[in-house]
Protein backbone atom coordinates (compact mmCIF):
# COMPACT_ATOMS: atom_id res chain seq x y z
CA ALA A 1 -17.31 28.31 -16.87
CA THR A 2 -15.07 29.80 -19.50
CA ALA A 3 -11.70 28.14 -20.00
CA ILE A 4 -8.74 30.12 -18.72
CA LYS A 5 -6.09 30.91 -21.29
CA GLY A 6 -2.95 28.84 -20.90
CA SER A 7 -4.44 26.33 -18.43
CA GLN A 8 -6.21 23.00 -18.39
CA GLU A 9 -9.99 22.70 -18.63
CA ILE A 10 -10.33 21.61 -15.02
CA ASP A 11 -8.70 24.86 -13.93
CA ALA A 12 -11.76 26.75 -15.19
CA PHE A 13 -13.97 25.01 -12.65
CA ILE A 14 -11.49 25.65 -9.85
CA HIS A 15 -11.24 29.30 -10.89
CA GLU A 16 -15.02 29.66 -10.83
CA ARG A 17 -15.27 28.36 -7.26
CA ILE A 18 -12.47 30.46 -5.83
CA THR A 19 -13.87 33.55 -7.57
CA LYS A 20 -17.27 32.96 -5.91
CA ALA A 21 -15.43 32.65 -2.60
CA GLY A 22 -13.81 36.04 -3.15
CA MET A 23 -10.35 34.55 -3.55
CA LYS A 24 -7.69 35.06 -6.17
CA PRO A 25 -5.59 32.28 -7.73
CA SER A 26 -1.92 32.06 -6.90
CA PRO A 27 0.43 33.28 -9.61
CA GLU A 28 1.56 30.71 -12.16
CA ALA A 29 4.61 28.77 -10.99
CA ASP A 30 7.86 29.38 -12.82
CA LYS A 31 9.31 26.52 -14.86
CA ARG A 32 11.98 25.64 -12.29
CA THR A 33 9.32 25.23 -9.59
CA LEU A 34 6.99 23.37 -11.93
CA ILE A 35 9.47 20.67 -12.95
CA ARG A 36 10.54 20.25 -9.33
CA ARG A 37 6.94 19.69 -8.23
CA VAL A 38 6.00 17.23 -10.96
CA THR A 39 9.24 15.26 -10.63
CA PHE A 40 8.79 14.86 -6.89
CA ASP A 41 5.14 13.94 -7.44
CA LEU A 42 5.76 11.23 -10.04
CA THR A 43 9.12 9.79 -8.94
CA GLY A 44 9.66 10.99 -5.37
CA LEU A 45 13.05 12.46 -6.35
CA PRO A 46 14.16 15.94 -7.37
CA PRO A 47 15.00 16.68 -11.01
CA THR A 48 18.65 16.72 -12.03
CA PRO A 49 20.29 20.04 -12.99
CA ALA A 50 20.41 18.83 -16.60
CA GLU A 51 16.67 18.07 -16.59
CA ILE A 52 15.90 21.50 -15.15
CA ASP A 53 18.03 23.25 -17.76
CA ALA A 54 16.45 21.23 -20.58
CA PHE A 55 12.93 22.13 -19.45
CA ILE A 56 13.71 25.82 -19.01
CA SER A 57 15.30 26.04 -22.44
CA ASP A 58 12.42 24.16 -24.11
CA GLN A 59 10.12 26.91 -25.35
CA SER A 60 7.74 24.61 -27.22
CA ALA A 61 4.02 24.57 -26.37
CA ASN A 62 4.18 20.96 -25.17
CA ALA A 63 7.33 21.29 -23.03
CA TYR A 64 5.48 20.36 -19.84
CA GLU A 65 3.75 17.38 -21.49
CA THR A 66 7.16 16.16 -22.66
CA VAL A 67 8.46 16.22 -19.08
CA VAL A 68 5.39 14.40 -17.76
CA ASN A 69 5.63 11.69 -20.42
CA ARG A 70 9.33 11.21 -19.70
CA LEU A 71 8.63 10.78 -16.00
CA LEU A 72 5.75 8.37 -16.63
CA ASP A 73 8.02 6.28 -18.85
CA SER A 74 10.81 6.19 -16.27
CA LYS A 75 11.45 3.30 -13.90
CA GLY A 76 11.18 5.75 -11.01
CA TYR A 77 7.47 6.23 -11.67
CA GLY A 78 6.63 2.61 -10.87
CA GLU A 79 8.92 2.65 -7.84
CA ARG A 80 7.22 5.77 -6.48
CA GLN A 81 3.65 4.60 -7.01
CA ALA A 82 4.37 1.05 -5.84
CA ARG A 83 5.00 2.39 -2.32
CA LEU A 84 1.31 3.21 -1.98
CA TRP A 85 0.15 -0.24 -3.09
CA LEU A 86 2.74 -2.05 -0.97
CA ASP A 87 1.45 -0.21 2.11
CA VAL A 88 -2.08 -1.39 1.34
CA VAL A 89 -1.07 -5.07 1.15
CA ARG A 90 1.20 -4.65 4.25
CA TYR A 91 4.43 -5.48 2.42
CA ALA A 92 7.51 -6.13 4.55
CA ASP A 93 10.85 -7.87 4.09
CA THR A 94 10.54 -9.60 7.46
CA ASN A 95 7.92 -11.67 9.30
CA GLY A 96 7.42 -9.30 12.21
CA TYR A 97 6.73 -10.55 15.74
CA GLU A 98 9.63 -10.91 18.20
CA ARG A 99 12.46 -12.23 16.06
CA ASP A 100 11.38 -10.31 12.93
CA GLU A 101 13.02 -12.97 10.81
CA PHE A 102 13.92 -12.23 7.20
CA ARG A 103 11.26 -13.21 4.66
CA PRO A 104 13.10 -14.78 1.72
CA LEU A 105 12.22 -13.61 -1.78
CA ALA A 106 9.61 -11.07 -0.64
CA TRP A 107 11.38 -8.62 -2.91
CA GLN A 108 10.15 -10.61 -5.89
CA TYR A 109 6.60 -9.42 -5.15
CA ARG A 110 7.79 -5.85 -4.62
CA ASP A 111 9.57 -5.80 -7.97
CA TYR A 112 6.54 -7.42 -9.61
CA VAL A 113 4.38 -4.48 -8.51
CA VAL A 114 6.93 -1.97 -9.81
CA ARG A 115 7.09 -3.71 -13.18
CA ALA A 116 3.29 -3.98 -13.42
CA LEU A 117 2.85 -0.25 -12.82
CA ASN A 118 5.55 0.66 -15.30
CA ALA A 119 4.01 -1.68 -17.88
CA ASP A 120 0.53 -0.14 -17.43
CA VAL A 121 -1.01 -3.53 -16.63
CA PRO A 122 -4.83 -3.09 -16.58
CA TYR A 123 -6.25 -3.07 -13.06
CA ASP A 124 -8.57 -6.02 -13.70
CA GLN A 125 -5.58 -8.09 -14.82
CA PHE A 126 -3.60 -6.88 -11.79
CA VAL A 127 -6.39 -8.00 -9.44
CA LEU A 128 -6.77 -11.35 -11.19
CA GLU A 129 -3.07 -12.05 -10.78
CA HIS A 130 -3.26 -11.31 -7.06
CA LEU A 131 -6.23 -13.56 -6.42
CA ALA A 132 -5.49 -16.43 -8.81
CA GLY A 133 -2.24 -15.74 -10.63
CA ASP A 134 -1.12 -19.34 -10.18
CA LEU A 135 -4.22 -20.72 -11.91
CA LEU A 136 -4.29 -18.69 -15.12
CA PRO A 137 -4.17 -20.90 -18.23
CA GLN A 138 -2.41 -18.11 -20.11
CA PRO A 139 -0.33 -16.16 -17.58
CA ARG A 140 1.26 -12.83 -18.39
CA LEU A 141 4.92 -13.36 -19.28
CA GLN A 142 7.91 -11.08 -19.00
CA PRO A 143 8.62 -9.87 -22.53
CA HIS A 144 12.42 -10.29 -22.34
CA THR A 145 12.77 -13.50 -20.30
CA GLY A 146 9.47 -15.34 -20.81
CA ALA A 147 9.15 -15.76 -17.04
CA ASN A 148 5.68 -16.14 -15.53
CA GLU A 149 4.77 -12.74 -14.07
CA SER A 150 1.21 -13.57 -13.06
CA ILE A 151 2.14 -16.09 -10.39
CA LEU A 152 4.15 -13.47 -8.49
CA GLY A 153 0.96 -11.53 -7.71
CA THR A 154 -0.16 -14.31 -5.35
CA GLY A 155 2.77 -13.48 -3.10
CA PHE A 156 0.69 -10.78 -1.38
CA TRP A 157 -1.25 -13.47 0.52
CA PHE A 158 1.88 -14.40 2.47
CA LEU A 159 3.09 -10.97 3.58
CA GLY A 160 1.37 -10.96 6.97
CA GLU A 161 2.92 -11.27 10.41
CA GLU A 162 4.14 -14.81 11.13
CA VAL A 163 4.55 -16.05 14.70
CA HIS A 164 7.46 -18.41 15.23
CA SER A 165 6.85 -21.55 17.33
CA PRO A 166 3.20 -20.82 18.22
CA VAL A 167 1.91 -22.56 21.34
CA ASP A 168 -1.54 -23.11 19.84
CA ILE A 169 -1.04 -23.98 16.18
CA ARG A 170 -4.79 -23.89 15.41
CA GLN A 171 -5.14 -20.43 16.92
CA ASP A 172 -2.11 -19.31 14.95
CA GLU A 173 -3.62 -20.68 11.74
CA CYS A 174 -6.89 -18.85 12.37
CA ASP A 175 -5.05 -15.60 13.06
CA ARG A 176 -3.03 -15.86 9.86
CA MET A 177 -6.13 -16.61 7.78
CA ASP A 178 -7.95 -13.71 9.41
CA ASN A 179 -5.11 -11.34 8.52
CA ARG A 180 -5.15 -12.46 4.90
CA LEU A 181 -8.90 -12.08 4.57
CA ASP A 182 -8.83 -8.69 6.25
CA VAL A 183 -6.19 -7.39 3.83
CA MET A 184 -7.90 -8.93 0.79
CA SER A 185 -11.31 -7.47 1.61
CA LYS A 186 -10.03 -3.99 2.41
CA THR A 187 -7.79 -3.94 -0.67
CA PHE A 188 -10.12 -5.34 -3.31
CA LEU A 189 -13.62 -4.94 -1.85
CA GLY A 190 -13.20 -1.69 0.05
CA MET A 191 -14.88 -3.25 3.09
CA THR A 192 -14.12 -5.35 6.13
CA VAL A 193 -15.15 -8.96 6.64
CA ALA A 194 -13.16 -9.61 9.82
CA CYS A 195 -16.20 -8.98 12.03
CA ALA A 196 -17.77 -12.15 10.63
CA ARG A 197 -15.05 -14.22 12.24
CA CYS A 198 -17.10 -14.19 15.44
CA HIS A 199 -20.63 -13.28 14.28
CA ASP A 200 -22.64 -12.26 11.24
CA HIS A 201 -21.52 -8.77 10.20
CA LYS A 202 -23.67 -6.12 11.88
CA PHE A 203 -23.45 -3.56 9.07
CA ASP A 204 -22.57 -5.46 5.88
CA ALA A 205 -24.16 -8.51 4.30
CA ILE A 206 -21.33 -10.83 5.32
CA SER A 207 -22.22 -13.92 7.33
CA GLN A 208 -20.04 -16.29 9.30
CA ARG A 209 -20.74 -18.84 6.60
CA ASP A 210 -19.26 -16.46 4.00
CA TYR A 211 -16.24 -15.78 6.18
CA TYR A 212 -15.34 -19.40 6.77
CA ALA A 213 -15.99 -20.28 3.14
CA LEU A 214 -13.29 -17.77 2.25
CA THR A 215 -11.10 -19.20 5.00
CA GLY A 216 -11.49 -22.64 3.47
CA PHE A 217 -10.20 -21.27 0.17
CA LEU A 218 -7.06 -20.01 1.89
CA ILE A 219 -6.44 -23.06 4.09
CA SER A 220 -6.58 -25.27 1.00
CA SER A 221 -3.80 -23.19 -0.55
CA THR A 222 -0.14 -23.75 0.29
CA TYR A 223 2.98 -21.61 0.29
CA ARG A 224 5.64 -22.83 -2.09
CA GLN A 225 8.80 -21.34 -3.52
CA VAL A 226 9.02 -22.15 -7.22
CA PRO A 227 11.50 -21.19 -9.96
CA PHE A 228 9.08 -18.80 -11.60
CA ALA A 229 11.66 -17.67 -14.15
CA ALA A 230 11.74 -21.18 -15.66
CA LEU A 231 8.19 -22.23 -14.76
CA GLU A 232 6.74 -21.89 -18.26
CA THR A 233 9.79 -23.52 -19.84
CA HIS A 234 9.48 -26.50 -17.50
CA ARG A 235 5.75 -26.68 -18.26
CA ASP A 236 6.46 -26.87 -21.99
CA ILE A 237 9.07 -29.57 -21.46
CA ALA A 238 6.64 -31.57 -19.32
CA THR A 239 3.99 -31.31 -22.04
CA GLN A 240 6.42 -32.53 -24.68
CA LEU A 241 7.51 -35.45 -22.48
CA ALA A 242 3.90 -36.43 -21.88
CA LYS A 243 3.27 -36.51 -25.64
CA LEU A 244 6.38 -38.62 -26.22
CA ARG A 245 5.39 -41.08 -23.51
CA ALA A 246 1.89 -41.41 -24.93
CA ALA A 247 3.25 -41.97 -28.43
CA GLU A 248 5.91 -44.51 -27.45
CA GLN A 249 4.23 -46.30 -24.56
CA THR A 250 2.62 -49.05 -26.63
CA ARG A 251 5.83 -49.81 -28.56
CA LEU A 252 7.91 -49.90 -25.37
CA LEU A 253 5.46 -52.26 -23.64
CA GLN A 254 5.55 -54.62 -26.60
CA ALA A 255 9.34 -54.69 -26.45
CA ILE A 256 9.37 -55.83 -22.82
């Protein structure tokens, strides 16, 4: 297909198909409509009057690219796109069930996702932080505060519905583990493993042994609230104290 003047390369392929179908393309959108569409798409909010006027008055060839780059660099971009990811990992500020009690500090995970998207964190790093962010020997740190960002990714494991005062605590534990595995597999594997809770999966190569091996990984993990903002600082202090103890231990024992 021949490229269409004044459009992107992909538009040539679209134009070829609609021409074969006997259709005509819609007229090119005016600049006011264009900035409104792209601003809603990238931030979920309409452009301000000043932004509209600036775009209309910008007659340069890269005026549209300038608007897109500004929106991608804005905080609103991460907030808009984070909504999609938070739906996938079933984010909520409360525990659900009857009382729907408030879930303290859940917002820390929400803000972590927004920051990660705005910082263009590579997807493989993003996944690693979700699955094992508390075990990384060199976690990703916030550039301005030095706080451990990676550990916040593990918060997604604990966003499921929590039953208060369960009658059967073992049943409740199994249900919570099943919810976590179901979300993890759908989010990161694009498949379900929940069927293997009761039998070997009928359509995928997931056995009950696989399922309960994953469950064991989760049951051996615990939920803790830690001062993540000072976690790395405290780790450094602990390392320094350990070195001092090792260096002075012999002399102190001799003085006793």
